[in-house]
Amino acid sequence: LIITLEASGLDDRGMVLDFSEITRVV
């Protein structure tokens, strides 16, 4: 499974979302 997330901006760390968070949830 390849999940692609999209955002118009970045968080205060300069990320859309931490990859480890995607892994944890998904």
mmCIF file of all heavy atoms, coordinates in Angstrom:
data_MODEL
# 
_entry.id   MODEL 
# 
loop_
_atom_site.group_PDB 
_atom_site.id 
_atom_site.type_symbol 
_atom_site.label_atom_id 
_atom_site.label_alt_id 
_atom_site.label_comp_id 
_atom_site.label_asym_id 
_atom_site.label_entity_id 
_atom_site.label_seq_id 
_atom_site.pdbx_PDB_ins_code 
_atom_site.Cartn_x 
_atom_site.Cartn_y 
_atom_site.Cartn_z 
_atom_site.occupancy 
_atom_site.B_iso_or_equiv 
_atom_site.pdbx_formal_charge 
_atom_site.auth_seq_id 
_atom_site.auth_comp_id 
_atom_site.auth_asym_id 
_atom_site.auth_atom_id 
_atom_site.pdbx_PDB_model_num 
ATOM 1   N N   . LEU A 1 1  ? 0.847  -1.180 0.000  1.00 0.00 ? 1  LEU A N   1 
ATOM 2   C CA  . LEU A 1 1  ? 0.000  0.000  0.000  1.00 0.00 ? 1  LEU A CA  1 
ATOM 3   C C   . LEU A 1 1  ? 0.888  1.238  0.000  1.00 0.00 ? 1  LEU A C   1 
ATOM 4   O O   . LEU A 1 1  ? 1.828  1.331  0.795  1.00 0.00 ? 1  LEU A O   1 
ATOM 5   C CB  . LEU A 1 1  ? -0.882 0.004  1.250  1.00 0.00 ? 1  LEU A CB  1 
ATOM 6   C CG  . LEU A 1 1  ? -1.789 1.204  1.414  1.00 0.00 ? 1  LEU A CG  1 
ATOM 7   C CD1 . LEU A 1 1  ? -2.928 1.137  0.413  1.00 0.00 ? 1  LEU A CD1 1 
ATOM 8   C CD2 . LEU A 1 1  ? -2.324 1.264  2.825  1.00 0.00 ? 1  LEU A CD2 1 
ATOM 9   N N   . ILE A 1 2  ? 0.596  2.166  -0.889 1.00 0.00 ? 2  ILE A N   1 
ATOM 10  C CA  . ILE A 1 2  ? 1.298  3.446  -0.887 1.00 0.00 ? 2  ILE A CA  1 
ATOM 11  C C   . ILE A 1 2  ? 0.237  4.514  -0.676 1.00 0.00 ? 2  ILE A C   1 
ATOM 12  O O   . ILE A 1 2  ? -0.684 4.662  -1.476 1.00 0.00 ? 2  ILE A O   1 
ATOM 13  C CB  . ILE A 1 2  ? 2.079  3.682  -2.187 1.00 0.00 ? 2  ILE A CB  1 
ATOM 14  C CG1 . ILE A 1 2  ? 3.104  2.564  -2.375 1.00 0.00 ? 2  ILE A CG1 1 
ATOM 15  C CG2 . ILE A 1 2  ? 2.750  5.056  -2.158 1.00 0.00 ? 2  ILE A CG2 1 
ATOM 16  C CD1 . ILE A 1 2  ? 3.786  2.559  -3.708 1.00 0.00 ? 2  ILE A CD1 1 
ATOM 17  N N   . ILE A 1 3  ? 0.364  5.214  0.422  1.00 0.00 ? 3  ILE A N   1 
ATOM 18  C CA  . ILE A 1 3  ? -0.582 6.279  0.744  1.00 0.00 ? 3  ILE A CA  1 
ATOM 19  C C   . ILE A 1 3  ? 0.130  7.610  0.503  1.00 0.00 ? 3  ILE A C   1 
ATOM 20  O O   . ILE A 1 3  ? 1.262  7.814  0.960  1.00 0.00 ? 3  ILE A O   1 
ATOM 21  C CB  . ILE A 1 3  ? -1.108 6.163  2.191  1.00 0.00 ? 3  ILE A CB  1 
ATOM 22  C CG1 . ILE A 1 3  ? -2.102 7.270  2.505  1.00 0.00 ? 3  ILE A CG1 1 
ATOM 23  C CG2 . ILE A 1 3  ? 0.004  6.092  3.199  1.00 0.00 ? 3  ILE A CG2 1 
ATOM 24  C CD1 . ILE A 1 3  ? -2.831 7.107  3.823  1.00 0.00 ? 3  ILE A CD1 1 
ATOM 25  N N   . THR A 1 4  ? -0.520 8.484  -0.259 1.00 0.00 ? 4  THR A N   1 
ATOM 26  C CA  . THR A 1 4  ? 0.045  9.793  -0.575 1.00 0.00 ? 4  THR A CA  1 
ATOM 27  C C   . THR A 1 4  ? -0.813 10.861 0.080  1.00 0.00 ? 4  THR A C   1 
ATOM 28  O O   . THR A 1 4  ? -2.024 10.924 -0.142 1.00 0.00 ? 4  THR A O   1 
ATOM 29  C CB  . THR A 1 4  ? 0.104  10.004 -2.102 1.00 0.00 ? 4  THR A CB  1 
ATOM 30  O OG1 . THR A 1 4  ? 0.904  8.980  -2.681 1.00 0.00 ? 4  THR A OG1 1 
ATOM 31  C CG2 . THR A 1 4  ? 0.697  11.372 -2.443 1.00 0.00 ? 4  THR A CG2 1 
ATOM 32  N N   . LEU A 1 5  ? -0.168 11.669 0.908  1.00 0.00 ? 5  LEU A N   1 
ATOM 33  C CA  . LEU A 1 5  ? -0.837 12.769 1.603  1.00 0.00 ? 5  LEU A CA  1 
ATOM 34  C C   . LEU A 1 5  ? -0.474 14.083 0.927  1.00 0.00 ? 5  LEU A C   1 
ATOM 35  O O   . LEU A 1 5  ? 0.603  14.216 0.338  1.00 0.00 ? 5  LEU A O   1 
ATOM 36  C CB  . LEU A 1 5  ? -0.406 12.815 3.067  1.00 0.00 ? 5  LEU A CB  1 
ATOM 37  C CG  . LEU A 1 5  ? -0.609 11.547 3.883  1.00 0.00 ? 5  LEU A CG  1 
ATOM 38  C CD1 . LEU A 1 5  ? -0.118 11.761 5.309  1.00 0.00 ? 5  LEU A CD1 1 
ATOM 39  C CD2 . LEU A 1 5  ? -2.048 11.108 3.859  1.00 0.00 ? 5  LEU A CD2 1 
ATOM 40  N N   . GLU A 1 6  ? -1.362 15.046 1.067  1.00 0.00 ? 6  GLU A N   1 
ATOM 41  C CA  . GLU A 1 6  ? -1.177 16.334 0.413  1.00 0.00 ? 6  GLU A CA  1 
ATOM 42  C C   . GLU A 1 6  ? -1.489 17.455 1.396  1.00 0.00 ? 6  GLU A C   1 
ATOM 43  O O   . GLU A 1 6  ? -2.429 17.345 2.195  1.00 0.00 ? 6  GLU A O   1 
ATOM 44  C CB  . GLU A 1 6  ? -2.110 16.387 -0.787 1.00 0.00 ? 6  GLU A CB  1 
ATOM 45  C CG  . GLU A 1 6  ? -2.010 17.619 -1.623 1.00 0.00 ? 6  GLU A CG  1 
ATOM 46  C CD  . GLU A 1 6  ? -2.885 17.493 -2.857 1.00 0.00 ? 6  GLU A CD  1 
ATOM 47  O OE1 . GLU A 1 6  ? -4.103 17.677 -2.729 1.00 0.00 ? 6  GLU A OE1 1 
ATOM 48  O OE2 . GLU A 1 6  ? -2.330 17.206 -3.927 1.00 0.00 ? 6  GLU A OE2 1 
ATOM 49  N N   . ALA A 1 7  ? -0.699 18.510 1.328  1.00 0.00 ? 7  ALA A N   1 
ATOM 50  C CA  . ALA A 1 7  ? -0.939 19.699 2.167  1.00 0.00 ? 7  ALA A CA  1 
ATOM 51  C C   . ALA A 1 7  ? -0.421 20.930 1.428  1.00 0.00 ? 7  ALA A C   1 
ATOM 52  O O   . ALA A 1 7  ? 0.552  20.850 0.675  1.00 0.00 ? 7  ALA A O   1 
ATOM 53  C CB  . ALA A 1 7  ? -0.238 19.565 3.513  1.00 0.00 ? 7  ALA A CB  1 
ATOM 54  N N   . SER A 1 8  ? -1.074 22.042 1.671  1.00 0.00 ? 8  SER A N   1 
ATOM 55  C CA  . SER A 1 8  ? -0.632 23.284 1.021  1.00 0.00 ? 8  SER A CA  1 
ATOM 56  C C   . SER A 1 8  ? 0.512  23.940 1.778  1.00 0.00 ? 8  SER A C   1 
ATOM 57  O O   . SER A 1 8  ? 1.206  24.788 1.235  1.00 0.00 ? 8  SER A O   1 
ATOM 58  C CB  . SER A 1 8  ? -1.802 24.254 0.878  1.00 0.00 ? 8  SER A CB  1 
ATOM 59  O OG  . SER A 1 8  ? -2.330 24.550 2.152  1.00 0.00 ? 8  SER A OG  1 
ATOM 60  N N   . GLY A 1 9  ? 0.705  23.552 3.033  1.00 0.00 ? 9  GLY A N   1 
ATOM 61  C CA  . GLY A 1 9  ? 1.780  24.134 3.822  1.00 0.00 ? 9  GLY A CA  1 
ATOM 62  C C   . GLY A 1 9  ? 2.462  23.093 4.678  1.00 0.00 ? 9  GLY A C   1 
ATOM 63  O O   . GLY A 1 9  ? 2.077  21.920 4.699  1.00 0.00 ? 9  GLY A O   1 
ATOM 64  N N   . LEU A 1 10 ? 3.474  23.533 5.391  1.00 0.00 ? 10 LEU A N   1 
ATOM 65  C CA  . LEU A 1 10 ? 4.257  22.656 6.254  1.00 0.00 ? 10 LEU A CA  1 
ATOM 66  C C   . LEU A 1 10 ? 4.050  23.043 7.710  1.00 0.00 ? 10 LEU A C   1 
ATOM 67  O O   . LEU A 1 10 ? 3.714  24.184 8.022  1.00 0.00 ? 10 LEU A O   1 
ATOM 68  C CB  . LEU A 1 10 ? 5.741  22.757 5.898  1.00 0.00 ? 10 LEU A CB  1 
ATOM 69  C CG  . LEU A 1 10 ? 6.107  22.437 4.441  1.00 0.00 ? 10 LEU A CG  1 
ATOM 70  C CD1 . LEU A 1 10 ? 7.585  22.677 4.196  1.00 0.00 ? 10 LEU A CD1 1 
ATOM 71  C CD2 . LEU A 1 10 ? 5.706  21.020 4.087  1.00 0.00 ? 10 LEU A CD2 1 
ATOM 72  N N   . ASP A 1 11 ? 4.277  22.090 8.605  1.00 0.00 ? 11 ASP A N   1 
ATOM 73  C CA  . ASP A 1 11 ? 4.150  22.383 10.035 1.00 0.00 ? 11 ASP A CA  1 
ATOM 74  C C   . ASP A 1 11 ? 5.391  23.125 10.534 1.00 0.00 ? 11 ASP A C   1 
ATOM 75  O O   . ASP A 1 11 ? 6.289  23.470 9.742  1.00 0.00 ? 11 ASP A O   1 
ATOM 76  C CB  . ASP A 1 11 ? 3.867  21.095 10.831 1.00 0.00 ? 11 ASP A CB  1 
ATOM 77  C CG  . ASP A 1 11 ? 5.019  20.103 10.821 1.00 0.00 ? 11 ASP A CG  1 
ATOM 78  O OD1 . ASP A 1 11 ? 6.161  20.462 10.428 1.00 0.00 ? 11 ASP A OD1 1 
ATOM 79  O OD2 . ASP A 1 11 ? 4.793  18.940 11.227 1.00 0.00 ? 11 ASP A OD2 1 
ATOM 80  N N   . ASP A 1 12 ? 5.466  23.373 11.835 1.00 0.00 ? 12 ASP A N   1 
ATOM 81  C CA  . ASP A 1 12 ? 6.577  24.140 12.393 1.00 0.00 ? 12 ASP A CA  1 
ATOM 82  C C   . ASP A 1 12 ? 7.913  23.399 12.315 1.00 0.00 ? 12 ASP A C   1 
ATOM 83  O O   . ASP A 1 12 ? 8.959  23.988 12.539 1.00 0.00 ? 12 ASP A O   1 
ATOM 84  C CB  . ASP A 1 12 ? 6.274  24.573 13.831 1.00 0.00 ? 12 ASP A CB  1 
ATOM 85  C CG  . ASP A 1 12 ? 6.023  23.402 14.759 1.00 0.00 ? 12 ASP A CG  1 
ATOM 86  O OD1 . ASP A 1 12 ? 5.948  22.241 14.297 1.00 0.00 ? 12 ASP A OD1 1 
ATOM 87  O OD2 . ASP A 1 12 ? 5.882  23.651 15.966 1.00 0.00 ? 12 ASP A OD2 1 
ATOM 88  N N   . ARG A 1 13 ? 7.886  22.115 11.953 1.00 0.00 ? 13 ARG A N   1 
ATOM 89  C CA  . ARG A 1 13 ? 9.123  21.341 11.756 1.00 0.00 ? 13 ARG A CA  1 
ATOM 90  C C   . ARG A 1 13 ? 9.556  21.350 10.302 1.00 0.00 ? 13 ARG A C   1 
ATOM 91  O O   . ARG A 1 13 ? 10.597 20.808 9.952  1.00 0.00 ? 13 ARG A O   1 
ATOM 92  C CB  . ARG A 1 13 ? 8.922  19.886 12.197 1.00 0.00 ? 13 ARG A CB  1 
ATOM 93  C CG  . ARG A 1 13 ? 8.496  19.733 13.638 1.00 0.00 ? 13 ARG A CG  1 
ATOM 94  C CD  . ARG A 1 13 ? 8.082  18.323 13.927 1.00 0.00 ? 13 ARG A CD  1 
ATOM 95  N NE  . ARG A 1 13 ? 6.882  17.992 13.126 1.00 0.00 ? 13 ARG A NE  1 
ATOM 96  C CZ  . ARG A 1 13 ? 6.221  16.857 13.190 1.00 0.00 ? 13 ARG A CZ  1 
ATOM 97  N NH1 . ARG A 1 13 ? 6.625  15.888 13.978 1.00 0.00 ? 13 ARG A NH1 1 
ATOM 98  N NH2 . ARG A 1 13 ? 5.148  16.651 12.445 1.00 0.00 ? 13 ARG A NH2 1 
ATOM 99  N N   . GLY A 1 14 ? 8.716  21.929 9.422  1.00 0.00 ? 14 GLY A N   1 
ATOM 100 C CA  . GLY A 1 14 ? 9.003  21.915 7.995  1.00 0.00 ? 14 GLY A CA  1 
ATOM 101 C C   . GLY A 1 14 ? 8.545  20.634 7.318  1.00 0.00 ? 14 GLY A C   1 
ATOM 102 O O   . GLY A 1 14 ? 9.090  20.236 6.297  1.00 0.00 ? 14 GLY A O   1 
ATOM 103 N N   . MET A 1 15 ? 7.508  19.980 7.893  1.00 0.00 ? 15 MET A N   1 
ATOM 104 C CA  . MET A 1 15 ? 7.007  18.714 7.363  1.00 0.00 ? 15 MET A CA  1 
ATOM 105 C C   . MET A 1 15 ? 5.521  18.805 7.061  1.00 0.00 ? 15 MET A C   1 
ATOM 106 O O   . MET A 1 15 ? 4.805  19.554 7.718  1.00 0.00 ? 15 MET A O   1 
ATOM 107 C CB  . MET A 1 15 ? 7.175  17.592 8.403  1.00 0.00 ? 15 MET A CB  1 
ATOM 108 C CG  . MET A 1 15 ? 8.559  17.303 8.843  1.00 0.00 ? 15 MET A CG  1 
ATOM 109 S SD  . MET A 1 15 ? 8.476  16.031 10.141 1.00 0.00 ? 15 MET A SD  1 
ATOM 110 C CE  . MET A 1 15 ? 10.196 15.680 10.342 1.00 0.00 ? 15 MET A CE  1 
ATOM 111 N N   . VAL A 1 16 ? 5.078  17.981 6.116  1.00 0.00 ? 16 VAL A N   1 
ATOM 112 C CA  . VAL A 1 16 ? 3.643  17.759 5.953  1.00 0.00 ? 16 VAL A CA  1 
ATOM 113 C C   . VAL A 1 16 ? 3.164  16.968 7.156  1.00 0.00 ? 16 VAL A C   1 
ATOM 114 O O   . VAL A 1 16 ? 2.243  17.352 7.861  1.00 0.00 ? 16 VAL A O   1 
ATOM 115 C CB  . VAL A 1 16 ? 3.324  17.005 4.636  1.00 0.00 ? 16 VAL A CB  1 
ATOM 116 C CG1 . VAL A 1 16 ? 1.871  16.572 4.590  1.00 0.00 ? 16 VAL A CG1 1 
ATOM 117 C CG2 . VAL A 1 16 ? 3.665  17.870 3.432  1.00 0.00 ? 16 VAL A CG2 1 
ATOM 118 N N   . LEU A 1 17 ? 3.821  15.845 7.410  1.00 0.00 ? 17 LEU A N   1 
ATOM 119 C CA  . LEU A 1 17 ? 3.554  14.978 8.557  1.00 0.00 ? 17 LEU A CA  1 
ATOM 120 C C   . LEU A 1 17 ? 4.746  14.052 8.692  1.00 0.00 ? 17 LEU A C   1 
ATOM 121 O O   . LEU A 1 17 ? 5.325  13.639 7.689  1.00 0.00 ? 17 LEU A O   1 
ATOM 122 C CB  . LEU A 1 17 ? 2.265  14.164 8.323  1.00 0.00 ? 17 LEU A CB  1 
ATOM 123 C CG  . LEU A 1 17 ? 1.718  13.366 9.488  1.00 0.00 ? 17 LEU A CG  1 
ATOM 124 C CD1 . LEU A 1 17 ? 1.241  14.284 10.616 1.00 0.00 ? 17 LEU A CD1 1 
ATOM 125 C CD2 . LEU A 1 17 ? 0.556  12.490 9.038  1.00 0.00 ? 17 LEU A CD2 1 
ATOM 126 N N   . ASP A 1 18 ? 5.125  13.761 9.904  1.00 0.00 ? 18 ASP A N   1 
ATOM 127 C CA  . ASP A 1 18 ? 6.239  12.855 10.142 1.00 0.00 ? 18 ASP A CA  1 
ATOM 128 C C   . ASP A 1 18 ? 5.893  11.475 9.583  1.00 0.00 ? 18 ASP A C   1 
ATOM 129 O O   . ASP A 1 18 ? 4.811  10.944 9.840  1.00 0.00 ? 18 ASP A O   1 
ATOM 130 C CB  . ASP A 1 18 ? 6.501  12.774 11.649 1.00 0.00 ? 18 ASP A CB  1 
ATOM 131 C CG  . ASP A 1 18 ? 7.788  12.060 11.991 1.00 0.00 ? 18 ASP A CG  1 
ATOM 132 O OD1 . ASP A 1 18 ? 8.183  11.132 11.265 1.00 0.00 ? 18 ASP A OD1 1 
ATOM 133 O OD2 . ASP A 1 18 ? 8.406  12.431 13.004 1.00 0.00 ? 18 ASP A OD2 1 
ATOM 134 N N   . PHE A 1 19 ? 6.801  10.886 8.812  1.00 0.00 ? 19 PHE A N   1 
ATOM 135 C CA  . PHE A 1 19 ? 6.562  9.561  8.242  1.00 0.00 ? 19 PHE A CA  1 
ATOM 136 C C   . PHE A 1 19 ? 6.253  8.524  9.311  1.00 0.00 ? 19 PHE A C   1 
ATOM 137 O O   . PHE A 1 19 ? 5.453  7.625  9.101  1.00 0.00 ? 19 PHE A O   1 
ATOM 138 C CB  . PHE A 1 19 ? 7.768  9.093  7.411  1.00 0.00 ? 19 PHE A CB  1 
ATOM 139 C CG  . PHE A 1 19 ? 7.930  9.825  6.115  1.00 0.00 ? 19 PHE A CG  1 
ATOM 140 C CD1 . PHE A 1 19 ? 9.064  10.570 5.857  1.00 0.00 ? 19 PHE A CD1 1 
ATOM 141 C CD2 . PHE A 1 19 ? 6.945  9.762  5.131  1.00 0.00 ? 19 PHE A CD2 1 
ATOM 142 C CE1 . PHE A 1 19 ? 9.221  11.236 4.662  1.00 0.00 ? 19 PHE A CE1 1 
ATOM 143 C CE2 . PHE A 1 19 ? 7.088  10.437 3.934  1.00 0.00 ? 19 PHE A CE2 1 
ATOM 144 C CZ  . PHE A 1 19 ? 8.237  11.175 3.690  1.00 0.00 ? 19 PHE A CZ  1 
ATOM 145 N N   . SER A 1 20 ? 6.871  8.673  10.471 1.00 0.00 ? 20 SER A N   1 
ATOM 146 C CA  . SER A 1 20 ? 6.620  7.697  11.542 1.00 0.00 ? 20 SER A CA  1 
ATOM 147 C C   . SER A 1 20 ? 5.183  7.786  12.051 1.00 0.00 ? 20 SER A C   1 
ATOM 148 O O   . SER A 1 20 ? 4.611  6.788  12.487 1.00 0.00 ? 20 SER A O   1 
ATOM 149 C CB  . SER A 1 20 ? 7.613  7.875  12.699 1.00 0.00 ? 20 SER A CB  1 
ATOM 150 O OG  . SER A 1 20 ? 7.443  9.136  13.313 1.00 0.00 ? 20 SER A OG  1 
ATOM 151 N N   . GLU A 1 21 ? 4.577  8.956  11.976 1.00 0.00 ? 21 GLU A N   1 
ATOM 152 C CA  . GLU A 1 21 ? 3.173  9.101  12.373 1.00 0.00 ? 21 GLU A CA  1 
ATOM 153 C C   . GLU A 1 21 ? 2.254  8.383  11.381 1.00 0.00 ? 21 GLU A C   1 
ATOM 154 O O   . GLU A 1 21 ? 1.286  7.737  11.775 1.00 0.00 ? 21 GLU A O   1 
ATOM 155 C CB  . GLU A 1 21 ? 2.796  10.583 12.478 1.00 0.00 ? 21 GLU A CB  1 
ATOM 156 C CG  . GLU A 1 21 ? 1.368  10.844 12.865 1.00 0.00 ? 21 GLU A CG  1 
ATOM 157 C CD  . GLU A 1 21 ? 1.006  10.420 14.283 1.00 0.00 ? 21 GLU A CD  1 
ATOM 158 O OE1 . GLU A 1 21 ? 1.904  10.053 15.065 1.00 0.00 ? 21 GLU A OE1 1 
ATOM 159 O OE2 . GLU A 1 21 ? -0.194 10.433 14.611 1.00 0.00 ? 21 GLU A OE2 1 
ATOM 160 N N   . ILE A 1 22 ? 2.564  8.503  10.106 1.00 0.00 ? 22 ILE A N   1 
ATOM 161 C CA  . ILE A 1 22 ? 1.796  7.777  9.103  1.00 0.00 ? 22 ILE A CA  1 
ATOM 162 C C   . ILE A 1 22 ? 1.902  6.282  9.367  1.00 0.00 ? 22 ILE A C   1 
ATOM 163 O O   . ILE A 1 22 ? 0.900  5.570  9.382  1.00 0.00 ? 22 ILE A O   1 
ATOM 164 C CB  . ILE A 1 22 ? 2.298  8.097  7.678  1.00 0.00 ? 22 ILE A CB  1 
ATOM 165 C CG1 . ILE A 1 22 ? 2.183  9.588  7.378  1.00 0.00 ? 22 ILE A CG1 1 
ATOM 166 C CG2 . ILE A 1 22 ? 1.525  7.266  6.644  1.00 0.00 ? 22 ILE A CG2 1 
ATOM 167 C CD1 . ILE A 1 22 ? 2.901  10.010 6.118  1.00 0.00 ? 22 ILE A CD1 1 
ATOM 168 N N   . THR A 1 23 ? 3.116  5.822  9.591  1.00 0.00 ? 23 THR A N   1 
ATOM 169 C CA  . THR A 1 23 ? 3.338  4.403  9.855  1.00 0.00 ? 23 THR A CA  1 
ATOM 170 C C   . THR A 1 23 ? 2.571  3.955  11.093 1.00 0.00 ? 23 THR A C   1 
ATOM 171 O O   . THR A 1 23 ? 1.917  2.917  11.084 1.00 0.00 ? 23 THR A O   1 
ATOM 172 C CB  . THR A 1 23 ? 4.838  4.111  10.030 1.00 0.00 ? 23 THR A CB  1 
ATOM 173 O OG1 . THR A 1 23 ? 5.514  4.524  8.838  1.00 0.00 ? 23 THR A OG1 1 
ATOM 174 C CG2 . THR A 1 23 ? 5.089  2.637  10.274 1.00 0.00 ? 23 THR A CG2 1 
ATOM 175 N N   . ARG A 1 24 ? 2.634  4.745  12.147 1.00 0.00 ? 24 ARG A N   1 
ATOM 176 C CA  . ARG A 1 24 ? 1.966  4.374  13.397 1.00 0.00 ? 24 ARG A CA  1 
ATOM 177 C C   . ARG A 1 24 ? 0.462  4.238  13.193 1.00 0.00 ? 24 ARG A C   1 
ATOM 178 O O   . ARG A 1 24 ? -0.148 3.241  13.559 1.00 0.00 ? 24 ARG A O   1 
ATOM 179 C CB  . ARG A 1 24 ? 2.250  5.412  14.497 1.00 0.00 ? 24 ARG A CB  1 
ATOM 180 C CG  . ARG A 1 24 ? 1.657  5.035  15.851 1.00 0.00 ? 24 ARG A CG  1 
ATOM 181 C CD  . ARG A 1 24 ? 1.805  6.159  16.868 1.00 0.00 ? 24 ARG A CD  1 
ATOM 182 N NE  . ARG A 1 24 ? 1.058  7.349  16.522 1.00 0.00 ? 24 ARG A NE  1 
ATOM 183 C CZ  . ARG A 1 24 ? -0.265 7.488  16.640 1.00 0.00 ? 24 ARG A CZ  1 
ATOM 184 N NH1 . ARG A 1 24 ? -1.002 6.506  17.076 1.00 0.00 ? 24 ARG A NH1 1 
ATOM 185 N NH2 . ARG A 1 24 ? -0.860 8.620  16.302 1.00 0.00 ? 24 ARG A NH2 1 
ATOM 186 N N   . VAL A 1 25 ? -0.142 5.216  12.562 1.00 0.00 ? 25 VAL A N   1 
ATOM 187 C CA  . VAL A 1 25 ? -1.592 5.213  12.386 1.00 0.00 ? 25 VAL A CA  1 
ATOM 188 C C   . VAL A 1 25 ? -2.022 4.170  11.361 1.00 0.00 ? 25 VAL A C   1 
ATOM 189 O O   . VAL A 1 25 ? -2.879 3.334  11.625 1.00 0.00 ? 25 VAL A O   1 
ATOM 190 C CB  . VAL A 1 25 ? -2.095 6.619  11.976 1.00 0.00 ? 25 VAL A CB  1 
ATOM 191 C CG1 . VAL A 1 25 ? -3.565 6.582  11.595 1.00 0.00 ? 25 VAL A CG1 1 
ATOM 192 C CG2 . VAL A 1 25 ? -1.858 7.607  13.112 1.00 0.00 ? 25 VAL A CG2 1 
ATOM 193 N N   . VAL A 1 26 ? -1.423 4.207  10.183 1.00 0.00 ? 26 VAL A N   1 
ATOM 194 C CA  . VAL A 1 26 ? -1.847 3.335  9.093  1.00 0.00 ? 26 VAL A CA  1 
ATOM 195 C C   . VAL A 1 26 ? -1.481 1.882  9.372  1.00 0.00 ? 26 VAL A C   1 
ATOM 196 O O   . VAL A 1 26 ? -2.304 0.985  9.223  1.00 0.00 ? 26 VAL A O   1 
ATOM 197 C CB  . VAL A 1 26 ? -1.267 3.817  7.742  1.00 0.00 ? 26 VAL A CB  1 
ATOM 198 C CG1 . VAL A 1 26 ? -1.621 2.857  6.626  1.00 0.00 ? 26 VAL A CG1 1 
ATOM 199 C CG2 . VAL A 1 26 ? -1.768 5.222  7.434  1.00 0.00 ? 26 VAL A CG2 1 
# 
